[in-house]
Amino acid sequence: MAAGGLAACGAAAADTGSFADAVTAGEAHAALRYRFEHVDQESFAEDANASTLRLRLNYATGAWRDFKAFAEFDYLGEVLVNDFNSGSGTSPGRSRYPVVADPKGADLNQLYVEYDGMPGWQWRLGRQRILLDDQRFVGGVGWRQNEQTYDALSITVKRLPATELFYSIVANANRIVGDTVPEGDHRMNTHLLNARITVNEHVSATPYAYYIDNDDDPTGSTSTVGVRFTANYPVGKDRLNFLVEASRQTDAANAPVDFDANYLHLNAEWAGQGGLSLGAGIESLGGDQTVAGAAFRTPLATLHAFQGWADQFLATPGAGISDRYATFSYAGGPWRWQAVLHDFSAESGSADYGTEFDFSVGRTFGERYSLLLKSAFFNAGEAPFVDTRKYWLMLSAAY
């Protein structure tokens, strides 16, 4: 449920002896990720073109008295073309361009100590990734060049039968626009509780409770309680996969508006043995067209993975949103193809937000290199939404 970095130290390792031995017995890794992103958004006279390269370096120590440590550093630079607004005031003078939220600069992405000396328990303290379930509520925003990480104490417990329990108390969210602007550094008193329960060989249930008290952005202060069910069943040599998730959200702590809203996600997918998968689903985030700020929100989510790659709904509209979608994917040899069709409308009322078609194709080269071509075509319905086109070329290498 929670994940680390390129060389995260969650894996079991034999004690190396002295502290010096633990340090010298560690593993270092490096990764490069180049991306070109083009944005054509109707509300801007000029298109955005962003050419960025991220260097990631990390180091995981060996074990010493059941302690391990992990450090990860990122640097993001602009390569030749920087005709884009990186957002939140990080690129003064570029407001005439659409936003591509990849500001240049250096970042301490992760730095934590982990303790594994109690059987069935893992303790992690420091700056870390927290990736829960499909990251709809808590994630790392890994698509963007600068990742979202958390200053937290996290505990994973595997002592209960068929259950993995995760709890984290978060003091700070390090957001994707970096800590040089107020929007990039949110102090908070947040509690995350998530329990993955294996019901049987086909079904799992995950109840969760997320309490967010955000000092720097009160609109993100929420209390969310819900449950997620996943199931998979063999049908001959193929499989049927199902998702049912529902939750209830209310205002919390210093939130400026009193509200309560519902969340529902239903999905069914047929996964063929030959690499072809077809699916359909509906995701609904509640809202109230008569009360400003009363919509269901997911302030710590990996938002790019949901409601279209064009990122038109990073903030839930006041009337909520209903996303009916169909998916296609095919994996053949080193290539993977994916297409998604969305139809967006208001959850409260009858407003038509628009439709979107997303498409990607990618492949790997050996164990170290990968290529991704990706596009998003959003066709707006009613105002204030506008037509948007996005295209990406991404090359990655890991060592």
Protein backbone atom coordinates (compact mmCIF):
# COMPACT_ATOMS: atom_id res chain seq x y z
CA MET A 1 0.00 0.00 0.00
CA ALA A 2 2.83 2.41 0.81
CA ALA A 3 5.83 2.45 -1.46
CA GLY A 4 9.37 3.79 -1.47
CA GLY A 5 11.73 4.96 -4.18
CA LEU A 6 13.91 3.47 -6.88
CA ALA A 7 15.89 1.62 -4.25
CA ALA A 8 13.54 1.86 -1.30
CA CYS A 9 14.74 0.12 1.80
CA GLY A 10 11.54 -1.71 2.63
CA ALA A 11 12.96 -5.06 1.49
CA ALA A 12 14.40 -7.32 4.17
CA ALA A 13 18.20 -7.22 4.51
CA ALA A 14 20.62 -9.05 6.77
CA ASP A 15 22.36 -6.98 9.45
CA THR A 16 25.74 -5.89 8.12
CA GLY A 17 27.53 -5.59 11.46
CA SER A 18 28.90 -2.13 12.30
CA PHE A 19 27.32 1.17 11.40
CA ALA A 20 30.14 1.87 8.96
CA ASP A 21 29.53 -1.49 7.30
CA ALA A 22 25.84 -0.64 6.91
CA VAL A 23 26.71 2.60 5.14
CA THR A 24 29.31 1.12 2.81
CA ALA A 25 27.15 -1.94 2.04
CA GLY A 26 24.36 0.24 0.64
CA GLU A 27 23.20 0.60 -2.95
CA ALA A 28 23.17 3.75 -5.09
CA HIS A 29 20.90 4.30 -8.08
CA ALA A 30 20.46 7.01 -10.69
CA ALA A 31 17.66 7.76 -13.13
CA LEU A 32 17.08 10.24 -15.95
CA ARG A 33 13.66 11.24 -17.28
CA TYR A 34 13.31 13.59 -20.24
CA ARG A 35 9.88 14.92 -21.23
CA PHE A 36 8.56 17.23 -23.91
CA GLU A 37 5.00 18.47 -23.24
CA HIS A 38 2.89 20.55 -25.63
CA VAL A 39 -0.36 22.21 -24.47
CA ASP A 40 -2.87 23.88 -26.81
CA GLN A 41 -5.57 25.44 -24.62
CA GLU A 42 -8.29 27.58 -26.19
CA SER A 43 -8.23 30.22 -23.44
CA PHE A 44 -4.57 31.10 -24.17
CA ALA A 45 -3.31 32.89 -27.29
CA GLU A 46 0.01 31.03 -27.11
CA ASP A 47 0.67 27.31 -26.76
CA ALA A 48 2.94 25.88 -24.07
CA ASN A 49 6.07 23.91 -24.94
CA ALA A 50 8.01 22.43 -22.03
CA SER A 51 11.25 20.50 -22.44
CA THR A 52 12.52 19.24 -19.08
CA LEU A 53 15.07 16.72 -17.84
CA ARG A 54 15.01 15.21 -14.34
CA LEU A 55 18.05 13.66 -12.68
CA ARG A 56 17.29 11.43 -9.68
CA LEU A 57 19.97 10.06 -7.34
CA ASN A 58 19.27 7.85 -4.35
CA TYR A 59 21.07 5.70 -1.81
CA ALA A 60 19.79 2.94 0.48
CA THR A 61 22.04 1.82 3.33
CA GLY A 62 22.43 -1.72 4.57
CA ALA A 63 20.91 -2.77 7.90
CA TRP A 64 22.42 -1.90 11.30
CA ARG A 65 20.65 -3.17 14.41
CA ASP A 66 17.47 -3.43 12.32
CA PHE A 67 17.72 0.21 11.19
CA LYS A 68 18.09 1.30 7.56
CA ALA A 69 18.11 4.69 5.88
CA PHE A 70 17.20 6.00 2.46
CA ALA A 71 17.96 9.32 0.74
CA GLU A 72 16.79 10.60 -2.65
CA PHE A 73 17.66 13.81 -4.45
CA ASP A 74 16.09 15.25 -7.62
CA TYR A 75 17.19 18.02 -9.94
CA LEU A 76 14.92 19.28 -12.71
CA GLY A 77 16.27 21.45 -15.50
CA GLU A 78 14.85 23.08 -18.62
CA VAL A 79 16.33 21.96 -21.94
CA LEU A 80 16.35 24.46 -24.84
CA VAL A 81 12.59 25.24 -24.75
CA ASN A 82 10.79 26.80 -21.77
CA ASP A 83 7.68 28.42 -23.24
CA PHE A 84 5.40 27.36 -20.38
CA ASN A 85 4.01 28.52 -17.05
CA SER A 86 5.21 26.12 -14.35
CA GLY A 87 2.47 27.29 -11.96
CA SER A 88 2.01 28.90 -8.53
CA GLY A 89 4.33 31.82 -9.30
CA THR A 90 7.37 29.63 -10.01
CA SER A 91 7.98 31.11 -13.48
CA PRO A 92 7.47 34.91 -13.41
CA GLY A 93 6.78 36.45 -16.80
CA ARG A 94 5.26 33.34 -18.36
CA SER A 95 1.60 33.77 -17.45
CA ARG A 96 0.68 34.05 -21.15
CA TYR A 97 1.28 30.29 -21.50
CA PRO A 98 -0.83 27.36 -20.21
CA VAL A 99 0.43 25.61 -17.08
CA VAL A 100 2.86 22.69 -17.22
CA ALA A 101 3.50 22.08 -13.52
CA ASP A 102 7.19 21.15 -13.74
CA PRO A 103 9.20 24.01 -12.15
CA LYS A 104 12.97 23.78 -12.42
CA GLY A 105 15.14 23.36 -9.33
CA ALA A 106 16.61 20.97 -6.79
CA ASP A 107 14.60 18.93 -4.30
CA LEU A 108 15.30 16.57 -1.42
CA ASN A 109 12.64 14.08 -2.46
CA GLN A 110 13.04 11.51 0.32
CA LEU A 111 15.10 11.14 3.48
CA TYR A 112 13.95 8.64 6.06
CA VAL A 113 15.01 6.06 8.64
CA GLU A 114 13.28 2.70 8.83
CA TYR A 115 13.13 0.19 11.71
CA ASP A 116 12.27 -3.49 11.16
CA GLY A 117 13.28 -4.96 14.52
CA MET A 118 9.76 -6.01 15.59
CA PRO A 119 8.34 -9.01 13.69
CA GLY A 120 5.35 -7.94 11.62
CA TRP A 121 5.98 -4.23 12.17
CA GLN A 122 7.73 -1.59 10.06
CA TRP A 123 8.37 1.97 11.26
CA ARG A 124 9.41 4.75 8.88
CA LEU A 125 10.25 8.31 9.98
CA GLY A 126 11.13 11.20 7.70
CA ARG A 127 10.42 12.46 4.21
CA GLN A 128 8.83 9.62 2.24
CA ARG A 129 6.46 8.47 -0.46
CA ILE A 130 2.98 7.42 0.66
CA LEU A 131 1.02 5.63 -2.07
CA LEU A 132 -2.30 4.22 -0.85
CA ASP A 133 -4.37 1.87 -3.04
CA ASP A 134 -4.74 3.44 -6.52
CA GLN A 135 -3.64 6.87 -5.14
CA ARG A 136 -7.13 8.37 -5.54
CA PHE A 137 -6.91 9.87 -2.04
CA VAL A 138 -3.20 9.76 -1.12
CA GLY A 139 -0.41 9.54 -3.68
CA GLY A 140 2.88 10.82 -5.02
CA VAL A 141 1.81 12.55 -8.27
CA GLY A 142 4.55 10.53 -9.96
CA TRP A 143 3.58 11.71 -13.45
CA ARG A 144 4.92 15.20 -12.76
CA GLN A 145 8.68 15.70 -12.80
CA ASN A 146 8.77 16.91 -9.18
CA GLU A 147 7.07 14.32 -6.98
CA GLN A 148 4.81 14.87 -3.97
CA THR A 149 6.25 13.41 -0.76
CA TYR A 150 5.38 13.66 2.93
CA ASP A 151 7.20 14.42 6.19
CA ALA A 152 5.66 11.72 8.32
CA LEU A 153 5.85 8.82 10.75
CA SER A 154 4.37 5.73 9.06
CA ILE A 155 3.68 2.33 10.59
CA THR A 156 2.85 -0.85 8.67
CA VAL A 157 1.54 -3.81 10.68
CA LYS A 158 1.19 -7.37 9.35
CA ARG A 159 0.38 -9.12 12.64
CA LEU A 160 -3.35 -9.61 12.11
CA PRO A 161 -4.69 -12.55 10.07
CA ALA A 162 -5.09 -11.72 6.34
CA THR A 163 -4.71 -8.01 7.11
CA GLU A 164 -2.13 -5.33 6.36
CA LEU A 165 -2.67 -2.21 8.45
CA PHE A 166 -1.12 1.15 7.56
CA TYR A 167 -1.14 4.29 9.70
CA SER A 168 0.67 7.57 9.13
CA ILE A 169 0.75 10.92 10.90
CA VAL A 170 1.81 13.59 8.40
CA ALA A 171 3.30 16.93 9.44
CA ASN A 172 4.00 18.35 5.98
CA ALA A 173 3.14 17.74 2.33
CA ASN A 174 5.95 18.61 -0.09
CA ARG A 175 3.99 19.42 -3.21
CA ILE A 176 4.95 19.27 -6.88
CA VAL A 177 5.65 22.99 -7.36
CA GLY A 178 8.56 22.92 -4.88
CA ASP A 179 9.27 24.68 -1.62
CA THR A 180 10.30 28.04 -3.11
CA VAL A 181 6.63 29.14 -3.15
CA PRO A 182 4.00 28.88 -0.39
CA GLU A 183 1.81 26.58 -2.50
CA GLY A 184 4.56 23.95 -2.53
CA ASP A 185 4.92 23.43 1.21
CA HIS A 186 1.79 22.64 3.24
CA ARG A 187 2.05 22.24 7.00
CA MET A 188 -0.60 19.92 8.36
CA ASN A 189 -1.73 17.58 11.09
CA THR A 190 -2.99 14.68 9.00
CA HIS A 191 -3.84 11.12 10.01
CA LEU A 192 -4.08 8.33 7.43
CA LEU A 193 -5.49 4.90 8.34
CA ASN A 194 -5.83 2.15 5.74
CA ALA A 195 -6.41 -1.59 6.23
CA ARG A 196 -6.15 -4.10 3.38
CA ILE A 197 -8.09 -7.26 4.27
CA THR A 198 -7.93 -10.43 2.18
CA VAL A 199 -11.46 -11.84 2.31
CA ASN A 200 -10.67 -14.88 0.15
CA GLU A 201 -8.55 -15.73 -2.87
CA HIS A 202 -10.71 -13.53 -5.11
CA VAL A 203 -11.90 -10.63 -2.94
CA SER A 204 -10.18 -7.99 -0.82
CA ALA A 205 -11.67 -5.16 1.22
CA THR A 206 -9.93 -1.94 2.25
CA PRO A 207 -11.64 0.28 4.82
CA TYR A 208 -9.96 3.64 5.33
CA ALA A 209 -10.18 6.88 7.27
CA TYR A 210 -8.26 10.02 6.25
CA TYR A 211 -8.30 13.14 8.44
CA ILE A 212 -6.57 16.16 6.88
CA ASP A 213 -5.98 19.34 8.90
CA ASN A 214 -4.14 21.63 6.49
CA ASP A 215 -2.79 24.78 8.15
CA ASP A 216 -1.71 26.43 4.88
CA ASP A 217 -4.71 25.53 2.71
CA PRO A 218 -7.88 25.27 4.82
CA THR A 219 -9.97 24.30 1.76
CA GLY A 220 -8.11 20.98 1.84
CA SER A 221 -9.09 20.20 5.44
CA THR A 222 -11.40 17.20 5.20
CA SER A 223 -12.44 14.02 6.99
CA THR A 224 -13.07 11.04 4.69
CA VAL A 225 -14.27 7.56 5.67
CA GLY A 226 -14.86 4.82 3.13
CA VAL A 227 -14.31 1.27 1.93
CA ARG A 228 -12.91 -0.19 -1.27
CA PHE A 229 -13.67 -3.70 -2.59
CA THR A 230 -11.69 -5.36 -5.38
CA ALA A 231 -12.38 -8.77 -6.87
CA ASN A 232 -10.99 -10.90 -9.67
CA TYR A 233 -12.41 -14.14 -11.06
CA PRO A 234 -11.03 -16.51 -13.70
CA VAL A 235 -13.17 -17.06 -16.79
CA GLY A 236 -11.42 -19.81 -18.70
CA LYS A 237 -7.94 -18.41 -19.37
CA ASP A 238 -9.16 -14.82 -18.97
CA ARG A 239 -10.10 -12.82 -15.88
CA LEU A 240 -12.87 -10.50 -14.78
CA ASN A 241 -11.85 -7.69 -12.42
CA PHE A 242 -14.24 -5.57 -10.37
CA LEU A 243 -13.95 -2.46 -8.21
CA VAL A 244 -16.57 -1.01 -5.87
CA GLU A 245 -15.60 1.97 -3.70
CA ALA A 246 -17.71 4.38 -1.67
CA SER A 247 -16.87 7.04 0.90
CA ARG A 248 -18.31 9.98 2.79
CA GLN A 249 -16.50 13.28 3.31
CA THR A 250 -17.13 16.18 5.68
CA ASP A 251 -15.31 19.39 6.51
CA ALA A 252 -12.60 19.19 9.18
CA ALA A 253 -10.52 21.47 11.41
CA ASN A 254 -10.17 24.96 9.86
CA ALA A 255 -12.20 24.30 6.69
CA PRO A 256 -14.00 27.51 5.61
CA VAL A 257 -17.24 25.76 4.53
CA ASP A 258 -19.44 23.23 6.34
CA PHE A 259 -20.28 20.42 3.93
CA ASP A 260 -20.73 16.71 3.42
CA ALA A 261 -20.39 14.90 0.10
CA ASN A 262 -20.27 11.36 -1.25
CA TYR A 263 -17.84 9.48 -3.48
CA LEU A 264 -18.63 6.41 -5.60
CA HIS A 265 -16.47 4.45 -8.04
CA LEU A 266 -17.62 1.35 -9.95
CA ASN A 267 -15.48 -0.45 -12.50
CA ALA A 268 -15.52 -3.74 -14.40
CA GLU A 269 -12.73 -5.05 -16.64
CA TRP A 270 -12.22 -8.11 -18.81
CA ALA A 271 -8.51 -9.03 -19.01
CA GLY A 272 -7.71 -11.46 -21.80
CA GLN A 273 -4.83 -13.91 -21.72
CA GLY A 274 -3.47 -12.45 -24.95
CA GLY A 275 -2.81 -9.02 -23.43
CA LEU A 276 -6.07 -7.32 -24.44
CA SER A 277 -8.17 -5.64 -21.72
CA LEU A 278 -11.51 -3.86 -21.99
CA GLY A 279 -13.23 -1.99 -19.16
CA ALA A 280 -15.91 0.48 -18.22
CA GLY A 281 -16.75 2.45 -15.11
CA ILE A 282 -18.28 5.45 -13.45
CA GLU A 283 -16.68 7.70 -10.86
CA SER A 284 -18.79 10.28 -9.02
CA LEU A 285 -17.63 13.06 -6.68
CA GLY A 286 -20.54 14.80 -4.99
CA GLY A 287 -21.19 18.52 -5.10
CA ASP A 288 -23.80 21.16 -4.41
CA GLN A 289 -24.49 23.71 -7.15
CA THR A 290 -26.13 26.03 -4.58
CA VAL A 291 -23.28 26.12 -2.00
CA ALA A 292 -19.80 27.28 -3.03
CA GLY A 293 -16.95 25.03 -1.87
CA ALA A 294 -19.17 22.10 -0.86
CA ALA A 295 -17.83 19.55 -3.37
CA PHE A 296 -15.96 16.33 -2.55
CA ARG A 297 -12.20 16.93 -2.83
CA THR A 298 -9.01 14.86 -2.91
CA PRO A 299 -6.17 17.29 -2.05
CA LEU A 300 -3.44 14.63 -1.63
CA ALA A 301 -4.33 12.50 -4.65
CA THR A 302 -2.36 11.64 -7.77
CA LEU A 303 -4.93 13.58 -9.78
CA HIS A 304 -3.49 13.07 -13.27
CA ALA A 305 -4.46 9.39 -13.15
CA PHE A 306 -8.19 10.23 -12.85
CA GLN A 307 -10.80 12.14 -14.87
CA GLY A 308 -8.67 12.53 -17.97
CA TRP A 309 -5.03 13.22 -18.73
CA ALA A 310 -5.83 16.77 -19.87
CA ASP A 311 -6.11 17.67 -16.14
CA GLN A 312 -9.27 19.74 -16.46
CA PHE A 313 -10.66 18.62 -13.09
CA LEU A 314 -7.74 18.93 -10.66
CA ALA A 315 -10.24 20.77 -8.45
CA THR A 316 -13.74 19.30 -8.23
CA PRO A 317 -16.34 21.63 -9.78
CA GLY A 318 -18.83 23.10 -7.32
CA ALA A 319 -21.64 20.92 -8.70
CA GLY A 320 -19.47 17.81 -8.36
CA ILE A 321 -18.55 15.58 -11.28
CA SER A 322 -19.72 12.34 -12.80
CA ASP A 323 -17.15 10.62 -15.06
CA ARG A 324 -18.41 7.77 -17.24
CA TYR A 325 -15.47 6.12 -18.97
CA ALA A 326 -14.41 3.17 -21.11
CA THR A 327 -10.88 1.77 -21.30
CA PHE A 328 -8.85 -0.28 -23.79
CA SER A 329 -5.35 -1.61 -23.33
CA TYR A 330 -3.15 -4.07 -25.17
CA ALA A 331 0.27 -5.38 -24.23
CA GLY A 332 2.06 -7.22 -27.04
CA GLY A 333 5.79 -7.86 -26.81
CA PRO A 334 7.60 -4.75 -25.52
CA TRP A 335 4.76 -2.40 -26.56
CA ARG A 336 1.78 -1.33 -24.48
CA TRP A 337 -1.19 0.54 -26.00
CA GLN A 338 -3.86 2.33 -24.00
CA ALA A 339 -6.96 4.37 -24.83
CA VAL A 340 -9.59 5.93 -22.56
CA LEU A 341 -12.86 7.68 -23.45
CA HIS A 342 -14.52 9.96 -20.86
CA ASP A 343 -17.92 11.68 -20.66
CA PHE A 344 -18.05 14.36 -17.93
CA SER A 345 -21.14 15.94 -16.39
CA ALA A 346 -22.23 17.57 -13.13
CA GLU A 347 -23.17 15.30 -10.23
CA SER A 348 -25.61 17.95 -8.96
CA GLY A 349 -27.71 19.44 -11.73
CA SER A 350 -27.55 18.79 -15.48
CA ALA A 351 -24.44 20.67 -16.65
CA ASP A 352 -22.42 19.04 -19.45
CA TYR A 353 -18.68 19.47 -18.83
CA GLY A 354 -17.44 17.78 -22.00
CA THR A 355 -15.77 14.66 -23.33
CA GLU A 356 -12.17 13.50 -23.57
CA PHE A 357 -10.18 10.93 -25.53
CA ASP A 358 -6.78 9.83 -24.19
CA PHE A 359 -4.26 7.65 -25.99
CA SER A 360 -0.78 6.37 -25.21
CA VAL A 361 1.76 3.90 -26.57
CA GLY A 362 5.00 2.95 -24.88
CA ARG A 363 7.66 0.33 -24.75
CA THR A 364 10.75 -0.75 -22.85
CA PHE A 365 14.24 -1.32 -24.19
CA GLY A 366 15.98 -3.96 -22.14
CA GLU A 367 15.82 -3.39 -18.39
CA ARG A 368 16.94 0.24 -18.24
CA TYR A 369 15.23 2.31 -20.93
CA SER A 370 11.66 3.21 -21.84
CA LEU A 371 9.74 5.36 -24.33
CA LEU A 372 6.25 6.84 -23.95
CA LEU A 373 4.11 8.78 -26.43
CA LYS A 374 0.90 10.15 -24.97
CA SER A 375 -1.94 12.52 -25.89
CA ALA A 376 -5.16 13.97 -24.46
CA PHE A 377 -8.04 15.63 -26.36
CA PHE A 378 -10.61 17.42 -24.19
CA ASN A 379 -13.70 18.78 -25.96
CA ALA A 380 -15.48 21.25 -23.70
CA GLY A 381 -19.21 21.28 -23.07
CA GLU A 382 -20.49 24.27 -21.12
CA ALA A 383 -18.45 27.22 -19.80
CA PRO A 384 -16.09 27.72 -18.03
CA PHE A 385 -14.41 24.72 -19.67
CA VAL A 386 -12.47 25.17 -22.93
CA ASP A 387 -11.07 22.82 -25.55
CA THR A 388 -7.61 21.54 -24.63
CA ARG A 389 -5.05 19.38 -26.45
CA LYS A 390 -1.95 17.91 -24.81
CA TYR A 391 0.91 15.82 -26.24
CA TRP A 392 3.87 14.19 -24.51
CA LEU A 393 7.13 12.50 -25.48
CA MET A 394 8.97 10.89 -22.57
CA LEU A 395 12.27 8.99 -22.43
CA SER A 396 13.49 7.32 -19.24
CA ALA A 397 16.66 5.55 -18.15
CA ALA A 398 17.46 3.91 -14.80
CA TYR A 399 20.83 2.71 -13.49
